[in-house]
């Protein structure tokens, strides 16, 4: 077993040990290896028949919704299994702001089947970086915690150095789509130690896609041919 796999396993087991053995939705007792009871797992609303490009529910019989066929985004695929509402929203806010890092392991493990069909698989996972000021204030990057669990379960490496945030942007919360695009413009640089051709950018929540779009432009300029956007939840329009 490689050193990377050993480290990933240690991190995964550490997160698992922090899980209380109780349902994360209602605190009922669970069997080993479970994170949600049968009732609460249904409260995690999985997006049905998602469009492969925007992640929203697709009303067509094909892989892509009408909107994406008309105006496709810059990336090549988007995976975000959960609808950002109810229990999923509550848990992701705890992960993002309340240092509940074990929730990354719990949520990813519960929806890992949605990431497994990606063929060919990306070469590497790139967590959306925080600016150093935001990282110092929060103490952790929730996107990295999610990427670590994905790395262990899918046996994919994580590169935390290739993609960097060079501008300390304002929070995207509460901004319109156009304001988000302006706020995030030129906020990232891509300087990989080795060239990547096919990557998955990992985040917690996909809202308007402004951050994903800006990162995709940066990666394409840097020579990446295929960019997938992986998140845990998608905000419905």
Protein backbone atom coordinates (compact mmCIF):
# COMPACT_ATOMS: atom_id res chain seq x y z
CA UNK A 1 0.00 0.00 0.00
CA UNK A 2 1.37 3.39 -0.98
CA UNK A 3 2.09 6.13 1.52
CA UNK A 4 -0.78 8.15 0.05
CA UNK A 5 -3.24 5.30 0.61
CA UNK A 6 -1.99 4.76 4.18
CA UNK A 7 -2.45 8.45 4.99
CA UNK A 8 -5.88 8.50 3.35
CA UNK A 9 -6.93 5.43 5.34
CA UNK A 10 -5.79 7.00 8.61
CA UNK A 11 -7.74 10.18 7.83
CA UNK A 12 -10.82 8.19 6.84
CA UNK A 13 -10.71 6.06 9.99
CA UNK A 14 -10.20 9.16 12.14
CA UNK A 15 -13.31 10.76 10.65
CA UNK A 16 -15.23 7.51 11.16
CA UNK A 17 -14.24 7.38 14.84
CA UNK A 18 -15.66 10.87 15.33
CA UNK A 19 -19.08 9.71 14.13
CA UNK A 20 -21.20 9.14 17.25
CA UNK A 21 -22.87 5.89 16.12
CA UNK A 22 -26.16 7.78 16.11
CA UNK A 23 -28.21 8.97 13.18
CA UNK A 24 -26.95 12.39 12.16
CA UNK A 25 -30.51 13.47 11.49
CA UNK A 26 -32.43 12.28 14.55
CA UNK A 27 -29.82 10.73 16.93
CA UNK A 28 -31.39 7.23 16.89
CA UNK A 29 -29.07 4.26 17.33
CA UNK A 30 -27.53 2.87 14.15
CA UNK A 31 -25.89 -0.32 13.04
CA UNK A 32 -22.10 -0.17 12.47
CA UNK A 33 -21.22 1.54 9.22
CA UNK A 34 -24.46 3.52 9.00
CA UNK A 35 -24.72 7.29 9.21
CA UNK A 36 -28.46 7.85 8.82
CA UNK A 37 -31.55 5.90 9.78
CA UNK A 38 -33.95 4.71 7.08
CA UNK A 39 -36.22 7.70 7.69
CA UNK A 40 -33.55 10.40 7.66
CA UNK A 41 -31.73 9.00 4.64
CA UNK A 42 -34.85 9.90 2.65
CA UNK A 43 -34.53 13.46 4.00
CA UNK A 44 -31.30 13.75 2.06
CA UNK A 45 -32.97 14.61 -1.20
CA UNK A 46 -31.08 13.03 -4.08
CA UNK A 47 -31.51 14.90 -7.37
CA UNK A 48 -33.31 12.63 -9.80
CA UNK A 49 -32.05 12.25 -13.38
CA UNK A 50 -29.55 15.12 -13.11
CA UNK A 51 -28.21 16.85 -16.19
CA UNK A 52 -24.58 15.85 -16.70
CA UNK A 53 -23.53 19.46 -17.17
CA UNK A 54 -25.45 21.54 -14.62
CA UNK A 55 -26.51 18.89 -12.11
CA UNK A 56 -30.11 20.09 -12.00
CA UNK A 57 -33.02 17.73 -12.58
CA UNK A 58 -33.23 16.95 -16.26
CA UNK A 59 -36.66 16.92 -17.88
CA UNK A 60 -35.39 15.41 -21.14
CA UNK A 61 -34.64 11.77 -21.95
CA UNK A 62 -31.00 12.55 -22.81
CA UNK A 63 -27.97 13.26 -20.64
CA UNK A 64 -28.22 17.04 -20.95
CA UNK A 65 -31.03 19.45 -20.16
CA UNK A 66 -32.37 21.85 -22.78
CA UNK A 67 -30.65 24.85 -21.18
CA UNK A 68 -27.22 23.21 -21.28
CA UNK A 69 -27.72 22.01 -24.84
CA UNK A 70 -28.46 25.61 -25.79
CA UNK A 71 -25.68 27.16 -23.71
CA UNK A 72 -23.26 24.61 -22.21
CA UNK A 73 -21.00 25.65 -19.34
CA UNK A 74 -17.23 25.59 -19.69
CA UNK A 75 -16.65 22.39 -17.74
CA UNK A 76 -17.18 18.92 -19.15
CA UNK A 77 -19.23 17.30 -16.36
CA UNK A 78 -20.82 18.18 -13.02
CA UNK A 79 -21.70 15.79 -10.19
CA UNK A 80 -23.57 17.12 -7.12
CA UNK A 81 -25.96 14.44 -5.79
CA UNK A 82 -27.87 16.27 -3.06
CA UNK A 83 -30.48 18.98 -3.34
CA UNK A 84 -29.34 21.81 -1.08
CA UNK A 85 -32.31 21.91 1.22
CA UNK A 86 -33.56 20.48 4.51
CA UNK A 87 -31.23 18.05 6.26
CA UNK A 88 -28.52 18.27 3.59
CA UNK A 89 -28.40 22.06 3.97
CA UNK A 90 -28.27 21.84 7.78
CA UNK A 91 -25.40 19.34 7.76
CA UNK A 92 -23.39 21.17 5.11
CA UNK A 93 -23.66 24.41 7.07
CA UNK A 94 -22.37 22.55 10.14
CA UNK A 95 -19.48 21.20 8.09
CA UNK A 96 -18.67 24.62 6.66
CA UNK A 97 -18.99 26.82 9.73
CA UNK A 98 -19.17 24.65 12.88
CA UNK A 99 -16.02 22.50 12.53
CA UNK A 100 -18.09 19.31 12.15
CA UNK A 101 -15.42 17.78 9.94
CA UNK A 102 -16.68 14.21 10.39
CA UNK A 103 -19.72 15.18 8.32
CA UNK A 104 -17.57 15.20 5.19
CA UNK A 105 -16.97 11.47 5.65
CA UNK A 106 -20.62 10.77 6.50
CA UNK A 107 -22.13 12.68 3.59
CA UNK A 108 -19.66 11.52 0.96
CA UNK A 109 -20.01 7.89 2.07
CA UNK A 110 -23.79 8.15 1.77
CA UNK A 111 -23.72 9.33 -1.86
CA UNK A 112 -20.47 7.80 -3.13
CA UNK A 113 -22.36 5.73 -5.72
CA UNK A 114 -23.07 8.95 -7.63
CA UNK A 115 -19.33 9.59 -8.14
CA UNK A 116 -18.26 6.05 -9.01
CA UNK A 117 -19.75 5.87 -12.56
CA UNK A 118 -17.42 8.62 -13.79
CA UNK A 119 -15.48 6.88 -16.59
CA UNK A 120 -12.76 7.51 -17.39
CA UNK A 121 -11.98 8.62 -13.87
CA UNK A 122 -10.19 11.92 -13.27
CA UNK A 123 -6.46 11.73 -12.71
CA UNK A 124 -6.61 13.91 -9.62
CA UNK A 125 -8.91 15.76 -7.22
CA UNK A 126 -8.42 19.52 -6.81
CA UNK A 127 -10.24 20.96 -3.77
CA UNK A 128 -11.46 24.52 -4.25
CA UNK A 129 -8.88 26.49 -2.25
CA UNK A 130 -9.51 29.12 0.38
CA UNK A 131 -7.44 32.28 0.51
CA UNK A 132 -4.87 32.05 3.31
CA UNK A 133 -6.68 34.75 5.31
CA UNK A 134 -9.96 32.82 5.20
CA UNK A 135 -8.14 29.56 5.96
CA UNK A 136 -6.47 31.07 9.01
CA UNK A 137 -9.81 32.40 10.24
CA UNK A 138 -11.75 29.16 9.73
CA UNK A 139 -8.94 26.77 10.49
CA UNK A 140 -9.81 24.25 7.78
CA UNK A 141 -11.07 23.93 4.22
CA UNK A 142 -14.30 21.94 3.97
CA UNK A 143 -13.64 21.23 0.28
CA UNK A 144 -10.37 19.53 1.23
CA UNK A 145 -12.14 17.42 3.86
CA UNK A 146 -14.62 16.25 1.21
CA UNK A 147 -11.79 15.58 -1.26
CA UNK A 148 -9.95 13.45 1.28
CA UNK A 149 -12.92 11.13 1.72
CA UNK A 150 -13.45 10.92 -2.04
CA UNK A 151 -9.76 10.17 -2.41
CA UNK A 152 -9.93 7.25 -0.01
CA UNK A 153 -13.16 5.75 -1.35
CA UNK A 154 -12.26 6.15 -5.04
CA UNK A 155 -8.48 5.71 -4.78
CA UNK A 156 -7.72 9.05 -6.43
CA UNK A 157 -4.90 11.42 -5.43
CA UNK A 158 -5.54 14.90 -4.06
CA UNK A 159 -3.39 17.82 -5.21
CA UNK A 160 -3.58 20.72 -2.75
CA UNK A 161 -0.83 22.80 -4.38
CA UNK A 162 -1.76 23.06 -8.06
CA UNK A 163 -4.74 25.39 -7.62
CA UNK A 164 -4.39 28.48 -5.43
CA UNK A 165 -6.66 31.40 -4.56
CA UNK A 166 -4.69 34.61 -4.89
CA UNK A 167 -7.44 37.13 -4.10
CA UNK A 168 -9.26 37.31 -0.77
CA UNK A 169 -12.72 37.72 -2.28
CA UNK A 170 -15.88 38.70 -0.46
CA UNK A 171 -18.27 35.94 0.55
CA UNK A 172 -20.42 34.82 -2.37
CA UNK A 173 -23.48 34.47 -0.12
CA UNK A 174 -26.17 37.00 -0.89
CA UNK A 175 -24.65 38.07 -4.21
CA UNK A 176 -26.47 37.85 -7.52
CA UNK A 177 -25.10 35.66 -10.31
CA UNK A 178 -23.48 38.63 -12.06
CA UNK A 179 -22.04 39.92 -8.78
CA UNK A 180 -20.62 36.46 -8.04
CA UNK A 181 -18.89 36.35 -11.41
CA UNK A 182 -17.35 39.78 -10.89
CA UNK A 183 -16.35 38.97 -7.32
CA UNK A 184 -14.51 35.75 -8.24
CA UNK A 185 -12.84 36.99 -11.46
CA UNK A 186 -9.08 36.33 -11.62
CA UNK A 187 -9.13 34.91 -8.10
CA UNK A 188 -7.24 31.69 -8.92
CA UNK A 189 -3.94 30.55 -10.40
CA UNK A 190 -3.05 27.06 -11.59
CA UNK A 191 0.58 26.01 -11.25
CA UNK A 192 0.82 22.21 -11.13
CA UNK A 193 4.04 20.40 -10.28
CA UNK A 194 3.09 17.86 -12.97
CA UNK A 195 0.70 18.41 -15.87
CA UNK A 196 -2.84 17.10 -15.40
CA UNK A 197 -5.14 16.39 -18.33
CA UNK A 198 -8.36 15.32 -16.56
CA UNK A 199 -9.25 16.73 -13.13
CA UNK A 200 -12.19 16.88 -10.75
CA UNK A 201 -12.61 20.16 -8.86
CA UNK A 202 -14.13 19.40 -5.45
CA UNK A 203 -16.39 21.78 -3.51
CA UNK A 204 -19.16 21.48 -0.95
CA UNK A 205 -22.05 23.38 -2.56
CA UNK A 206 -22.62 24.38 -6.19
CA UNK A 207 -24.78 27.51 -6.29
CA UNK A 208 -24.70 29.51 -9.53
CA UNK A 209 -21.53 27.87 -10.84
CA UNK A 210 -19.59 31.16 -10.84
CA UNK A 211 -16.67 29.79 -8.83
CA UNK A 212 -16.65 26.56 -10.85
CA UNK A 213 -16.72 28.54 -14.08
CA UNK A 214 -13.83 30.78 -13.10
CA UNK A 215 -11.73 27.81 -11.97
CA UNK A 216 -12.55 25.96 -15.20
CA UNK A 217 -11.28 28.89 -17.28
CA UNK A 218 -8.10 28.96 -15.23
CA UNK A 219 -7.54 25.22 -15.62
CA UNK A 220 -8.22 25.21 -19.37
CA UNK A 221 -5.73 28.05 -19.81
CA UNK A 222 -3.24 25.93 -17.88
CA UNK A 223 -3.57 23.01 -20.27
CA UNK A 224 -6.21 20.85 -18.56
CA UNK A 225 -8.39 19.26 -21.23
CA UNK A 226 -11.25 17.82 -19.17
CA UNK A 227 -12.66 19.50 -16.05
CA UNK A 228 -15.30 17.86 -13.89
CA UNK A 229 -16.97 19.74 -11.04
CA UNK A 230 -17.76 17.57 -8.01
CA UNK A 231 -19.84 18.91 -5.13
CA UNK A 232 -22.00 17.37 -2.45
CA UNK A 233 -25.06 19.53 -3.08
CA UNK A 234 -26.60 21.64 -5.82
CA UNK A 235 -28.75 24.70 -5.20
CA UNK A 236 -31.91 24.50 -7.28
CA UNK A 237 -32.85 27.49 -9.38
